[in-house]
Protein backbone atom coordinates (compact mmCIF):
# COMPACT_ATOMS: atom_id res chain seq x y z
CA MET A 1 -28.74 21.77 -11.19
CA LYS A 2 -29.25 25.78 -12.48
CA ILE A 3 -27.88 24.52 -15.87
CA LEU A 4 -29.75 21.39 -15.96
CA ILE A 5 -33.08 23.18 -15.38
CA GLN A 6 -32.38 25.48 -17.84
CA LYS A 7 -32.74 22.78 -20.57
CA LYS A 8 -36.15 21.07 -19.17
CA CYS A 9 -37.56 24.86 -19.87
CA ILE A 10 -36.06 24.56 -23.53
CA ASN A 11 -37.34 21.57 -24.41
CA LEU A 12 -40.54 22.09 -22.68
CA PHE A 13 -41.14 25.25 -24.92
CA TYR A 14 -39.36 23.56 -27.88
CA ARG A 15 -42.35 20.77 -27.82
CA ARG A 16 -45.06 23.70 -27.37
CA ILE A 17 -44.01 25.74 -30.16
CA ASN A 18 -42.77 22.94 -32.52
CA LYS A 19 -46.67 21.71 -32.22
CA PHE A 20 -47.98 25.09 -33.35
CA ILE A 21 -45.37 25.44 -36.25
CA ILE A 22 -45.99 22.23 -37.28
CA HIS A 23 -46.75 22.42 -40.83
CA ASN A 24 -44.64 25.75 -41.19
CA GLN A 25 -41.40 24.21 -42.79
CA LEU A 26 -40.06 26.95 -42.75
CA LEU A 27 -40.23 28.44 -39.15
CA LYS A 28 -39.47 25.36 -38.11
CA HIS A 29 -35.97 25.29 -39.25
CA SER A 30 -35.29 28.63 -38.31
CA PHE A 31 -36.84 27.99 -34.77
CA HIS A 32 -34.32 24.97 -34.59
CA TYR A 33 -31.35 27.32 -35.62
CA PHE A 34 -32.58 29.99 -32.73
CA ILE A 35 -32.82 26.50 -30.42
CA ILE A 36 -29.29 25.81 -31.57
CA LEU A 37 -28.38 29.02 -30.58
CA ILE A 38 -29.82 29.54 -27.05
CA LEU A 39 -28.21 26.57 -26.16
CA ILE A 40 -24.92 27.00 -27.14
CA CYS A 41 -24.89 30.18 -25.30
CA PHE A 42 -25.75 28.48 -22.43
CA SER A 43 -22.99 26.29 -22.63
CA CYS A 44 -20.57 29.37 -22.70
CA ASN A 45 -21.32 30.72 -19.71
CA LYS A 46 -19.90 28.14 -18.15
CA GLU A 47 -16.13 29.11 -17.46
CA GLU A 48 -13.96 26.09 -17.62
CA GLU A 49 -11.34 25.50 -14.41
CA ILE A 50 -7.94 25.50 -15.00
CA PRO A 51 -5.88 23.01 -12.24
CA SER A 52 -2.77 23.31 -10.87
CA TYR A 53 -0.42 20.44 -10.55
CA ILE A 54 1.69 18.51 -7.95
CA GLU A 55 4.40 16.32 -8.28
CA ILE A 56 5.78 13.98 -7.07
CA ASN A 57 8.45 11.77 -8.05
CA ASP A 58 10.89 10.52 -5.07
CA PHE A 59 10.54 10.37 -1.07
CA ASN A 60 12.68 9.86 1.96
CA LEU A 61 12.11 6.89 4.82
CA THR A 62 14.57 7.75 7.84
CA SER A 63 14.72 5.45 11.16
CA ASN A 64 16.26 4.72 14.14
CA SER A 65 17.90 2.12 15.79
CA SER A 66 14.31 1.34 17.33
CA PHE A 67 13.03 -0.02 14.03
CA GLY A 68 16.43 -0.90 12.23
CA GLU A 69 17.14 -0.02 8.69
CA ASN A 70 15.10 1.72 6.59
CA THR A 71 14.85 -0.66 3.70
CA GLU A 72 11.12 -0.12 1.83
CA ASN A 73 8.50 -0.91 -0.71
CA ILE A 74 6.67 1.87 -0.59
CA THR A 75 4.87 2.04 -3.76
CA ASP A 76 2.00 4.86 -3.82
CA VAL A 77 0.91 8.37 -2.04
CA TRP A 78 -2.19 8.79 -0.44
CA ILE A 79 -2.90 12.77 -1.37
CA TYR A 80 -5.14 15.01 0.94
CA ILE A 81 -6.03 18.48 0.72
CA ASN A 82 -7.30 20.52 3.89
CA GLU A 83 -8.11 16.55 5.11
CA ASN A 84 -9.88 15.54 2.56
CA LEU A 85 -8.66 13.06 0.33
CA GLN A 86 -7.69 13.58 -2.99
CA GLY A 87 -6.60 10.68 -4.38
CA VAL A 88 -4.12 7.78 -4.50
CA TYR A 89 -1.08 7.74 -6.64
CA GLU A 90 1.43 5.31 -7.78
CA ILE A 91 5.25 6.84 -7.59
CA PRO A 92 6.67 9.11 -9.52
CA VAL A 93 3.39 11.10 -10.33
CA THR A 94 2.08 14.47 -11.56
CA PHE A 95 -1.88 15.34 -11.28
CA PRO A 96 -4.34 18.10 -11.54
CA VAL A 97 -6.30 19.45 -8.49
CA LEU A 98 -8.49 22.74 -8.89
CA ASN A 99 -7.80 24.02 -5.32
CA LYS A 100 -5.94 26.99 -5.20
CA GLY A 101 -3.99 29.57 -3.35
CA ILE A 102 -2.30 28.73 -0.15
CA GLN A 103 -3.60 25.06 1.09
CA ASN A 104 -2.97 22.11 3.93
CA ILE A 105 -1.12 19.00 2.38
CA ARG A 106 -0.98 15.84 4.00
CA ILE A 107 0.28 12.74 2.24
CA LYS A 108 0.37 9.04 3.60
CA ALA A 109 3.01 6.42 2.57
CA GLY A 110 0.87 3.02 0.60
CA VAL A 111 2.21 -0.29 0.35
CA LYS A 112 0.88 -3.57 -0.48
CA ALA A 113 -0.68 -5.53 2.28
CA ASN A 114 1.09 -9.24 1.49
CA GLY A 115 2.39 -7.85 -1.84
CA ILE A 116 -0.86 -7.72 -3.45
CA ALA A 117 -1.79 -4.83 -5.55
CA SER A 118 -5.22 -4.99 -5.06
CA THR A 119 -4.69 -4.20 -1.67
CA ARG A 120 -2.86 -1.24 -0.98
CA ILE A 121 -3.36 0.42 2.11
CA GLN A 122 -2.04 3.48 4.14
CA TYR A 123 0.75 1.87 5.96
CA PRO A 124 -0.06 2.61 10.03
CA PHE A 125 3.24 2.48 10.90
CA TYR A 126 5.06 5.05 9.16
CA THR A 127 4.11 9.22 10.09
CA SER A 128 2.66 11.00 7.45
CA TYR A 129 4.26 13.54 5.61
CA LEU A 130 2.67 17.15 6.14
CA ASP A 131 3.68 20.56 4.65
CA THR A 132 1.85 23.68 3.97
CA VAL A 133 2.35 25.06 -0.18
CA GLU A 134 0.58 27.57 -2.86
CA LEU A 135 -1.29 25.86 -5.69
CA ILE A 136 -1.33 28.31 -9.05
CA GLU A 137 -3.51 27.76 -12.12
CA ASN A 138 -1.47 25.86 -14.68
CA GLU A 139 1.77 25.35 -12.90
CA ILE A 140 3.66 22.38 -11.36
CA ILE A 141 4.58 22.24 -7.43
CA ASN A 142 7.03 19.47 -6.67
CA ILE A 143 6.59 17.80 -3.56
CA SER A 144 9.75 15.31 -2.13
CA PRO A 145 7.85 13.81 1.06
CA SER A 146 9.54 12.39 4.21
CA PHE A 147 8.63 9.77 6.38
CA SER A 148 9.59 8.06 9.45
CA TYR A 149 8.15 4.94 11.42
CA ASN A 150 5.80 6.29 13.58
CA SER A 151 7.26 6.22 17.20
CA SER A 152 3.81 5.64 19.26
CA PHE A 153 4.06 1.59 17.78
CA ASP A 154 6.68 -0.70 19.12
CA ALA A 155 9.17 -3.53 16.98
CA ILE A 156 10.89 -7.02 17.50
CA LEU A 157 13.68 -6.99 14.91
CA GLU A 158 15.81 -9.33 14.01
CA ASP A 159 18.68 -7.86 11.25
CA PHE A 160 21.23 -10.36 12.59
CA GLU A 161 24.09 -7.60 13.18
CA SER A 162 24.03 -8.44 17.29
CA SER A 163 25.18 -11.83 18.76
CA GLY A 164 22.44 -14.27 19.05
CA THR A 165 19.06 -14.10 17.11
CA ILE A 166 14.97 -13.93 17.94
CA ILE A 167 14.99 -16.64 15.34
CA ASP A 168 15.91 -20.58 15.30
CA SER A 169 15.15 -23.86 12.74
CA THR A 170 12.30 -25.30 14.45
CA ILE A 171 11.67 -29.25 14.53
CA ASN A 172 9.96 -29.41 11.25
CA SER A 173 13.18 -28.36 9.58
CA GLU A 174 15.78 -30.79 8.12
CA ILE A 175 18.74 -28.12 8.24
CA ASP A 176 19.73 -24.89 9.87
CA PHE A 177 20.34 -21.68 8.42
CA THR A 178 23.85 -19.86 8.60
CA ILE A 179 24.50 -15.90 9.26
CA GLN A 180 26.18 -14.83 5.70
CA GLN A 181 27.75 -11.04 4.83
CA ASN A 182 28.17 -8.39 2.29
CA ASN A 183 30.11 -5.76 2.74
CA SER A 184 28.90 -4.38 6.15
CA ASN A 185 25.35 -6.19 6.07
CA HIS A 186 24.76 -9.55 7.69
CA TYR A 187 21.41 -11.67 6.70
CA GLY A 188 20.31 -15.32 7.06
CA TYR A 189 20.46 -17.55 4.39
CA ALA A 190 19.19 -21.51 3.83
CA LEU A 191 20.23 -24.05 1.54
CA ILE A 192 18.35 -27.04 0.93
CA GLU A 193 19.74 -29.74 -1.14
CA GLU A 194 19.15 -33.65 -1.83
CA PRO A 195 18.37 -35.70 -0.14
CA ASN A 196 16.85 -32.88 2.65
CA ILE A 197 13.52 -31.36 2.07
CA ASN A 198 11.81 -29.17 4.34
CA PHE A 199 13.16 -25.79 5.99
CA GLU A 200 11.49 -24.05 8.71
CA ILE A 201 12.63 -20.83 10.79
CA SER A 202 10.51 -19.15 13.61
CA THR A 203 10.68 -16.10 15.83
CA GLN A 204 10.66 -16.59 19.61
CA LYS A 205 7.67 -16.32 21.85
CA LEU A 206 5.73 -12.80 21.17
CA ILE A 207 3.26 -10.63 22.92
CA LEU A 208 0.99 -9.15 20.40
CA PRO A 209 -2.24 -6.72 21.24
CA GLN A 210 -5.44 -8.38 19.89
CA GLN A 211 -8.89 -6.27 19.88
CA GLY A 212 -7.79 -5.13 16.23
CA ALA A 213 -4.72 -3.46 16.75
CA PRO A 214 -2.50 -3.15 13.72
CA VAL A 215 -0.20 -5.92 14.02
CA TYR A 216 2.25 -6.40 10.46
CA LEU A 217 5.80 -8.82 9.49
CA GLU A 218 8.04 -6.96 7.35
CA ILE A 219 10.90 -8.93 6.16
CA ASP A 220 13.36 -8.55 3.34
CA TYR A 221 14.35 -11.68 1.19
CA LYS A 222 15.04 -13.45 -2.07
CA SER A 223 14.53 -16.94 -2.89
CA SER A 224 14.58 -18.98 -5.78
CA THR A 225 11.23 -21.04 -4.82
CA GLU A 226 7.80 -19.92 -3.10
CA PHE A 227 7.82 -20.30 0.90
CA LEU A 228 5.09 -19.64 3.67
CA VAL A 229 4.34 -17.34 6.21
CA GLY A 230 2.15 -18.20 9.04
CA MET A 231 2.02 -18.59 13.05
CA TYR A 232 1.89 -20.24 15.78
CA ILE A 233 -0.63 -19.70 18.07
CA ASN A 234 0.42 -20.92 21.67
CA TYR A 235 -2.50 -22.01 24.26
CA SER A 236 -2.09 -23.09 27.66
CA GLN A 237 -2.90 -27.15 26.41
CA ASP A 238 -2.56 -26.66 22.60
CA VAL A 239 -0.69 -25.18 20.18
CA VAL A 240 -2.59 -24.09 16.96
CA ARG A 241 -0.62 -23.65 13.34
CA ARG A 242 -2.16 -20.93 10.71
CA ASP A 243 -0.85 -20.86 7.30
CA LEU A 244 -1.36 -17.56 5.94
CA LEU A 245 0.74 -16.41 3.21
CA TRP A 246 2.70 -18.26 0.22
CA VAL A 247 5.16 -15.63 -0.76
CA THR A 248 6.42 -15.44 -4.54
CA PRO A 249 9.68 -16.10 -5.30
CA LYS A 250 12.37 -12.80 -5.80
CA GLN A 251 15.65 -13.16 -7.83
CA GLU A 252 16.79 -9.28 -5.94
CA TRP A 253 16.36 -8.51 -2.44
CA ASN A 254 12.71 -7.41 -2.16
CA LYS A 255 10.49 -5.97 1.10
CA ILE A 256 6.80 -7.37 1.79
CA TYR A 257 4.26 -6.28 4.79
CA ILE A 258 2.49 -9.05 5.87
CA ASN A 259 -0.35 -8.49 7.87
CA LEU A 260 -0.79 -10.27 11.01
CA THR A 261 -3.88 -8.70 12.55
CA GLN A 262 -7.01 -10.54 11.70
CA THR A 263 -4.84 -13.69 12.91
CA VAL A 264 -3.79 -12.31 16.32
CA SER A 265 -7.16 -10.30 16.99
CA GLU A 266 -9.34 -13.86 16.05
CA SER A 267 -6.87 -15.95 18.63
CA ILE A 268 -9.12 -15.43 21.87
CA GLY A 269 -7.39 -16.76 25.01
CA ALA A 270 -3.53 -17.09 23.08
CA GLU A 271 -0.85 -16.61 25.69
CA SER A 272 1.46 -16.16 22.91
CA PHE A 273 2.59 -16.83 19.05
CA LYS A 274 5.74 -17.38 17.05
CA VAL A 275 6.08 -16.37 13.58
CA PHE A 276 7.19 -19.21 10.83
CA LEU A 277 8.45 -19.07 7.68
CA ASN A 278 8.58 -22.41 5.82
CA MET A 279 9.78 -23.45 2.55
CA ARG A 280 10.32 -26.94 0.32
CA ARG A 281 12.43 -28.25 -2.24
CA ASN A 282 10.04 -30.05 -4.32
CA GLU A 283 11.47 -32.51 -7.11
CA PRO A 284 13.04 -32.35 -10.14
CA SER A 285 14.62 -29.40 -8.43
CA LEU A 286 18.16 -30.31 -6.79
CA PHE A 287 18.51 -27.53 -4.67
CA GLU A 288 16.53 -24.13 -3.01
CA GLU A 289 18.22 -21.18 -1.67
CA ILE A 290 16.45 -18.19 0.58
CA TYR A 291 18.07 -15.14 1.57
CA PHE A 292 15.92 -13.32 4.54
CA ASP A 293 17.27 -10.40 6.32
CA ASN A 294 15.23 -6.72 8.26
CA ILE A 295 12.73 -8.84 10.47
CA LYS A 296 10.31 -6.50 11.99
CA ILE A 297 7.33 -7.32 14.14
CA LEU A 298 5.65 -4.15 14.53
CA TYR A 299 2.70 -3.69 16.81
């Protein structure tokens, strides 16, 4: 602001003097050089700040039996310095900051809600990483944050490692799924072959919080074609089906975080919910297959 006012004063001074010397070209040219010299002096008075740098190349996610396996698809970090948001960055990253000295750092894990890059969020079910660091001009400090599931939330799990499951094929499904094993890991698998077309599973009835409380579905999967995730909303005398998200196929295992919050909160009067997964074989494909594991409903 100070520099802006100074420049306005110089411009006003220049216009008035220029009228006086308009007929004296030699003096006018000399005056131009004088004004340029003044502006250079003003610009030289402002010192350029030298940043320090924060580098984040990796992180760690821990879990326990209440929240199942620690598979994750964390893509971003949300950086707070002294509780002020400094920025959101994809990992790995090295970025400059102008803060100096001892600073309080908070890092929150970010994911793509519904697998969409334009809906990056701070995942509410992971804890924040807290640290106190010293930032020094022109030096890089490396931070490897650790996250865990937030114990203030609850989780309903299906990892196929115990007898019995919380999911089952629905009446809309022409086939059932099987539980398969790779090394010590168990997972669900379904193969749709001719002449069958439709496969669908759902969870058992779930009692979930409403009034805007966060509710998310996590699922690890790989599939040969897209599949639909939705909810059955159970009322006292009716069941309403809500289709929520078409999930793109993946050749390798992938985790997706699906936001159920709005659907659950808008279902006023619902007695319970079921989450469903539906996949179809479309002609001329001879078969489609899907693998699924680590299903979690967090709330």
